[in-house]
């Protein structure tokens, strides 16, 4: 099977790479950190929570909590890490940010189906590509994405 390139190792990119790899689909995960960081980035790890350690409600009585339950049922790496790194927060799901990111980084780094490329994505490669660079995209890739949206 052709390798899928995932641009960005934030929450979405990390989860995407994990789900593909679990299905034995080879992945090239491209992440600009640690070579380049946005002003909001602090750590070198994947899935860095930059604003808050809260993933909001974990109650099944609301949509946010129900979505988390569905993600757990589907084998979500994000939820596995959140549960492993949970801190007390009442009905909310809050995590130790450093542990959360480290857990995800280690799982993806140790996964034989995932090739990690630490470099800024400045082009959208050919082939199967998932663009998951998110709101902290570098200017270079943001321009390439914008060019695709007339």
C-alpha atoms as a PDB file:
ATOM      1  CA  UNK A   1       0.000   0.000   0.000  1.00  0.00           C
ATOM      2  CA  UNK A   2       1.169   3.536  -0.775  1.00  0.00           C
ATOM      3  CA  UNK A   3       2.452   5.563   2.158  1.00  0.00           C
ATOM      4  CA  UNK A   4       0.086   8.302   3.334  1.00  0.00           C
ATOM      5  CA  UNK A   5       1.676  11.626   4.226  1.00  0.00           C
ATOM      6  CA  UNK A   6       0.135  13.410   7.197  1.00  0.00           C
ATOM      7  CA  UNK A   7       1.158  17.048   7.520  1.00  0.00           C
ATOM      8  CA  UNK A   8       1.074  18.140  11.149  1.00  0.00           C
ATOM      9  CA  UNK A   9       1.347  16.183  14.397  1.00  0.00           C
ATOM     10  CA  UNK A  10      -1.186  18.115  16.434  1.00  0.00           C
ATOM     11  CA  UNK A  11      -4.302  16.448  17.807  1.00  0.00           C
ATOM     12  CA  UNK A  12      -5.863  15.697  14.404  1.00  0.00           C
ATOM     13  CA  UNK A  13      -2.646  14.720  12.626  1.00  0.00           C
ATOM     14  CA  UNK A  14      -1.490  12.484  15.462  1.00  0.00           C
ATOM     15  CA  UNK A  15      -4.857  10.731  15.645  1.00  0.00           C
ATOM     16  CA  UNK A  16      -4.981  10.325  11.869  1.00  0.00           C
ATOM     17  CA  UNK A  17      -1.475   8.842  11.742  1.00  0.00           C
ATOM     18  CA  UNK A  18      -2.351   6.448  14.581  1.00  0.00           C
ATOM     19  CA  UNK A  19      -5.589   5.260  12.994  1.00  0.00           C
ATOM     20  CA  UNK A  20      -3.881   4.642   9.646  1.00  0.00           C
ATOM     21  CA  UNK A  21      -0.970   2.813  11.280  1.00  0.00           C
ATOM     22  CA  UNK A  22      -3.339   0.613  13.321  1.00  0.00           C
ATOM     23  CA  UNK A  23      -4.692  -0.559   9.984  1.00  0.00           C
ATOM     24  CA  UNK A  24      -1.171  -1.322   8.720  1.00  0.00           C
ATOM     25  CA  UNK A  25      -1.194   1.632   6.354  1.00  0.00           C
ATOM     26  CA  UNK A  26       2.301   3.141   6.197  1.00  0.00           C
ATOM     27  CA  UNK A  27       2.448   6.781   7.290  1.00  0.00           C
ATOM     28  CA  UNK A  28       4.928   9.608   6.838  1.00  0.00           C
ATOM     29  CA  UNK A  29       4.144  12.086   9.623  1.00  0.00           C
ATOM     30  CA  UNK A  30       5.638  15.515   8.911  1.00  0.00           C
ATOM     31  CA  UNK A  31       5.970  17.884  11.882  1.00  0.00           C
ATOM     32  CA  UNK A  32       7.833  21.204  11.878  1.00  0.00           C
ATOM     33  CA  UNK A  33       8.773  20.996  15.556  1.00  0.00           C
ATOM     34  CA  UNK A  34      11.382  21.079  16.987  1.00  0.00           C
ATOM     35  CA  UNK A  35      13.072  22.841  14.044  1.00  0.00           C
ATOM     36  CA  UNK A  36      10.355  25.507  13.835  1.00  0.00           C
ATOM     37  CA  UNK A  37       7.702  26.568  16.327  1.00  0.00           C
ATOM     38  CA  UNK A  38       4.872  29.065  16.342  1.00  0.00           C
ATOM     39  CA  UNK A  39       4.811  31.672  19.127  1.00  0.00           C
ATOM     40  CA  UNK A  40       2.260  29.462  20.955  1.00  0.00           C
ATOM     41  CA  UNK A  41       4.382  26.292  20.924  1.00  0.00           C
ATOM     42  CA  UNK A  42       6.440  25.532  24.020  1.00  0.00           C
ATOM     43  CA  UNK A  43       7.390  21.849  23.788  1.00  0.00           C
ATOM     44  CA  UNK A  44       8.863  19.723  21.023  1.00  0.00           C
ATOM     45  CA  UNK A  45       6.222  17.007  21.426  1.00  0.00           C
ATOM     46  CA  UNK A  46       3.240  16.010  19.316  1.00  0.00           C
ATOM     47  CA  UNK A  47      -0.362  16.937  20.172  1.00  0.00           C
ATOM     48  CA  UNK A  48       0.733  19.873  22.308  1.00  0.00           C
ATOM     49  CA  UNK A  49      -2.159  21.493  24.152  1.00  0.00           C
ATOM     50  CA  UNK A  50      -1.259  25.174  23.890  1.00  0.00           C
ATOM     51  CA  UNK A  51      -4.183  26.979  25.532  1.00  0.00           C
ATOM     52  CA  UNK A  52      -5.597  24.792  28.275  1.00  0.00           C
ATOM     53  CA  UNK A  53      -5.194  21.397  29.847  1.00  0.00           C
ATOM     54  CA  UNK A  54      -8.965  20.821  29.688  1.00  0.00           C
ATOM     55  CA  UNK A  55     -10.605  18.703  27.030  1.00  0.00           C
ATOM     56  CA  UNK A  56     -13.964  19.899  28.349  1.00  0.00           C
ATOM     57  CA  UNK A  57     -16.726  17.703  29.725  1.00  0.00           C
ATOM     58  CA  UNK A  58     -16.403  13.950  30.070  1.00  0.00           C
ATOM     59  CA  UNK A  59     -20.083  13.490  30.971  1.00  0.00           C
ATOM     60  CA  UNK A  60     -22.115  11.219  28.680  1.00  0.00           C
ATOM     61  CA  UNK A  61     -25.103  13.539  29.065  1.00  0.00           C
ATOM     62  CA  UNK A  62     -23.693  16.045  26.555  1.00  0.00           C
ATOM     63  CA  UNK A  63     -22.307  15.943  23.027  1.00  0.00           C
ATOM     64  CA  UNK A  64     -18.707  16.645  24.045  1.00  0.00           C
ATOM     65  CA  UNK A  65     -18.604  13.767  26.519  1.00  0.00           C
ATOM     66  CA  UNK A  66     -20.434  11.430  24.164  1.00  0.00           C
ATOM     67  CA  UNK A  67     -17.925  12.152  21.397  1.00  0.00           C
ATOM     68  CA  UNK A  68     -15.106  11.218  23.764  1.00  0.00           C
ATOM     69  CA  UNK A  69     -16.842   7.921  24.577  1.00  0.00           C
ATOM     70  CA  UNK A  70     -17.160   7.198  20.859  1.00  0.00           C
ATOM     71  CA  UNK A  71     -13.486   8.033  20.338  1.00  0.00           C
ATOM     72  CA  UNK A  72     -12.515   5.642  23.140  1.00  0.00           C
ATOM     73  CA  UNK A  73     -14.626   2.897  21.559  1.00  0.00           C
ATOM     74  CA  UNK A  74     -12.767   3.417  18.276  1.00  0.00           C
ATOM     75  CA  UNK A  75      -9.326   3.120  19.889  1.00  0.00           C
ATOM     76  CA  UNK A  76      -8.388   6.799  19.877  1.00  0.00           C
ATOM     77  CA  UNK A  77      -4.770   7.531  20.780  1.00  0.00           C
ATOM     78  CA  UNK A  78      -5.804  11.003  21.948  1.00  0.00           C
ATOM     79  CA  UNK A  79      -8.311   9.536  24.406  1.00  0.00           C
ATOM     80  CA  UNK A  80      -5.900   6.798  25.507  1.00  0.00           C
ATOM     81  CA  UNK A  81      -3.351   9.470  26.372  1.00  0.00           C
ATOM     82  CA  UNK A  82      -5.971  11.691  28.018  1.00  0.00           C
ATOM     83  CA  UNK A  83      -7.124   8.831  30.243  1.00  0.00           C
ATOM     84  CA  UNK A  84      -3.528   7.884  31.064  1.00  0.00           C
ATOM     85  CA  UNK A  85      -2.607  11.495  31.954  1.00  0.00           C
ATOM     86  CA  UNK A  86      -5.865  12.585  33.591  1.00  0.00           C
ATOM     87  CA  UNK A  87      -5.810  15.041  36.508  1.00  0.00           C
ATOM     88  CA  UNK A  88      -8.664  15.899  38.874  1.00  0.00           C
ATOM     89  CA  UNK A  89     -11.109  18.399  37.344  1.00  0.00           C
ATOM     90  CA  UNK A  90     -14.626  17.449  38.448  1.00  0.00           C
ATOM     91  CA  UNK A  91     -16.795  16.480  35.477  1.00  0.00           C
ATOM     92  CA  UNK A  92     -14.250  17.789  32.982  1.00  0.00           C
ATOM     93  CA  UNK A  93     -11.457  15.816  31.391  1.00  0.00           C
ATOM     94  CA  UNK A  94      -8.237  17.651  32.211  1.00  0.00           C
ATOM     95  CA  UNK A  95      -4.755  16.289  31.609  1.00  0.00           C
ATOM     96  CA  UNK A  96      -1.131  16.799  32.520  1.00  0.00           C
ATOM     97  CA  UNK A  97      -0.122  18.608  29.314  1.00  0.00           C
ATOM     98  CA  UNK A  98       3.482  17.406  29.228  1.00  0.00           C
ATOM     99  CA  UNK A  99       2.565  13.796  29.963  1.00  0.00           C
ATOM    100  CA  UNK A 100      -0.262  13.908  27.406  1.00  0.00           C
ATOM    101  CA  UNK A 101       2.044  15.098  24.634  1.00  0.00           C
ATOM    102  CA  UNK A 102       4.915  12.797  25.641  1.00  0.00           C
ATOM    103  CA  UNK A 103       2.622   9.732  25.616  1.00  0.00           C
ATOM    104  CA  UNK A 104       1.411  10.471  22.073  1.00  0.00           C
ATOM    105  CA  UNK A 105       4.902  11.330  20.819  1.00  0.00           C
ATOM    106  CA  UNK A 106       6.319   8.068  22.188  1.00  0.00           C
ATOM    107  CA  UNK A 107       3.498   5.910  20.802  1.00  0.00           C
ATOM    108  CA  UNK A 108       3.878   7.359  17.300  1.00  0.00           C
ATOM    109  CA  UNK A 109       7.677   7.333  17.394  1.00  0.00           C
ATOM    110  CA  UNK A 110       7.686   3.668  18.447  1.00  0.00           C
ATOM    111  CA  UNK A 111       5.112   2.617  15.840  1.00  0.00           C
ATOM    112  CA  UNK A 112       6.780   0.656  13.006  1.00  0.00           C
ATOM    113  CA  UNK A 113       4.247   1.875  10.422  1.00  0.00           C
ATOM    114  CA  UNK A 114       5.000   5.557  11.121  1.00  0.00           C
ATOM    115  CA  UNK A 115       7.975   7.412   9.668  1.00  0.00           C
ATOM    116  CA  UNK A 116       8.537  10.699  11.508  1.00  0.00           C
ATOM    117  CA  UNK A 117       9.920  13.631   9.513  1.00  0.00           C
ATOM    118  CA  UNK A 118      10.922  16.658  11.595  1.00  0.00           C
ATOM    119  CA  UNK A 119      10.775  19.394   8.959  1.00  0.00           C
ATOM    120  CA  UNK A 120       8.552  22.285   8.002  1.00  0.00           C
ATOM    121  CA  UNK A 121       6.100  21.339   5.270  1.00  0.00           C
ATOM    122  CA  UNK A 122       6.506  24.036   2.631  1.00  0.00           C
ATOM    123  CA  UNK A 123       4.762  22.168  -0.183  1.00  0.00           C
ATOM    124  CA  UNK A 124       1.819  19.814  -0.417  1.00  0.00           C
ATOM    125  CA  UNK A 125       3.354  16.560  -1.633  1.00  0.00           C
ATOM    126  CA  UNK A 126       1.875  14.392  -4.349  1.00  0.00           C
ATOM    127  CA  UNK A 127       0.124  11.160  -3.506  1.00  0.00           C
ATOM    128  CA  UNK A 128      -2.152  10.436  -0.587  1.00  0.00           C
ATOM    129  CA  UNK A 129      -1.980  13.424   1.779  1.00  0.00           C
ATOM    130  CA  UNK A 130      -3.853  14.527   4.883  1.00  0.00           C
ATOM    131  CA  UNK A 131      -3.396  18.209   5.700  1.00  0.00           C
ATOM    132  CA  UNK A 132      -3.717  18.563   9.471  1.00  0.00           C
ATOM    133  CA  UNK A 133      -1.505  21.573  10.146  1.00  0.00           C
ATOM    134  CA  UNK A 134      -4.282  23.386  11.996  1.00  0.00           C
ATOM    135  CA  UNK A 135      -4.464  26.979  13.198  1.00  0.00           C
ATOM    136  CA  UNK A 136      -0.739  27.091  14.032  1.00  0.00           C
ATOM    137  CA  UNK A 137       0.342  26.364  10.453  1.00  0.00           C
ATOM    138  CA  UNK A 138       3.538  28.004   9.257  1.00  0.00           C
ATOM    139  CA  UNK A 139       3.127  30.813   6.736  1.00  0.00           C
ATOM    140  CA  UNK A 140       4.696  28.690   3.988  1.00  0.00           C
ATOM    141  CA  UNK A 141       2.175  25.841   4.177  1.00  0.00           C
ATOM    142  CA  UNK A 142      -0.724  28.203   4.897  1.00  0.00           C
ATOM    143  CA  UNK A 143      -0.021  29.927   1.569  1.00  0.00           C
ATOM    144  CA  UNK A 144      -0.046  26.569  -0.256  1.00  0.00           C
ATOM    145  CA  UNK A 145      -3.327  25.607   1.400  1.00  0.00           C
ATOM    146  CA  UNK A 146      -4.856  28.999   0.572  1.00  0.00           C
ATOM    147  CA  UNK A 147      -3.856  28.566  -3.076  1.00  0.00           C
ATOM    148  CA  UNK A 148      -6.047  25.438  -3.200  1.00  0.00           C
ATOM    149  CA  UNK A 149      -9.091  27.448  -2.089  1.00  0.00           C
ATOM    150  CA  UNK A 150     -10.135  29.844  -4.864  1.00  0.00           C
END
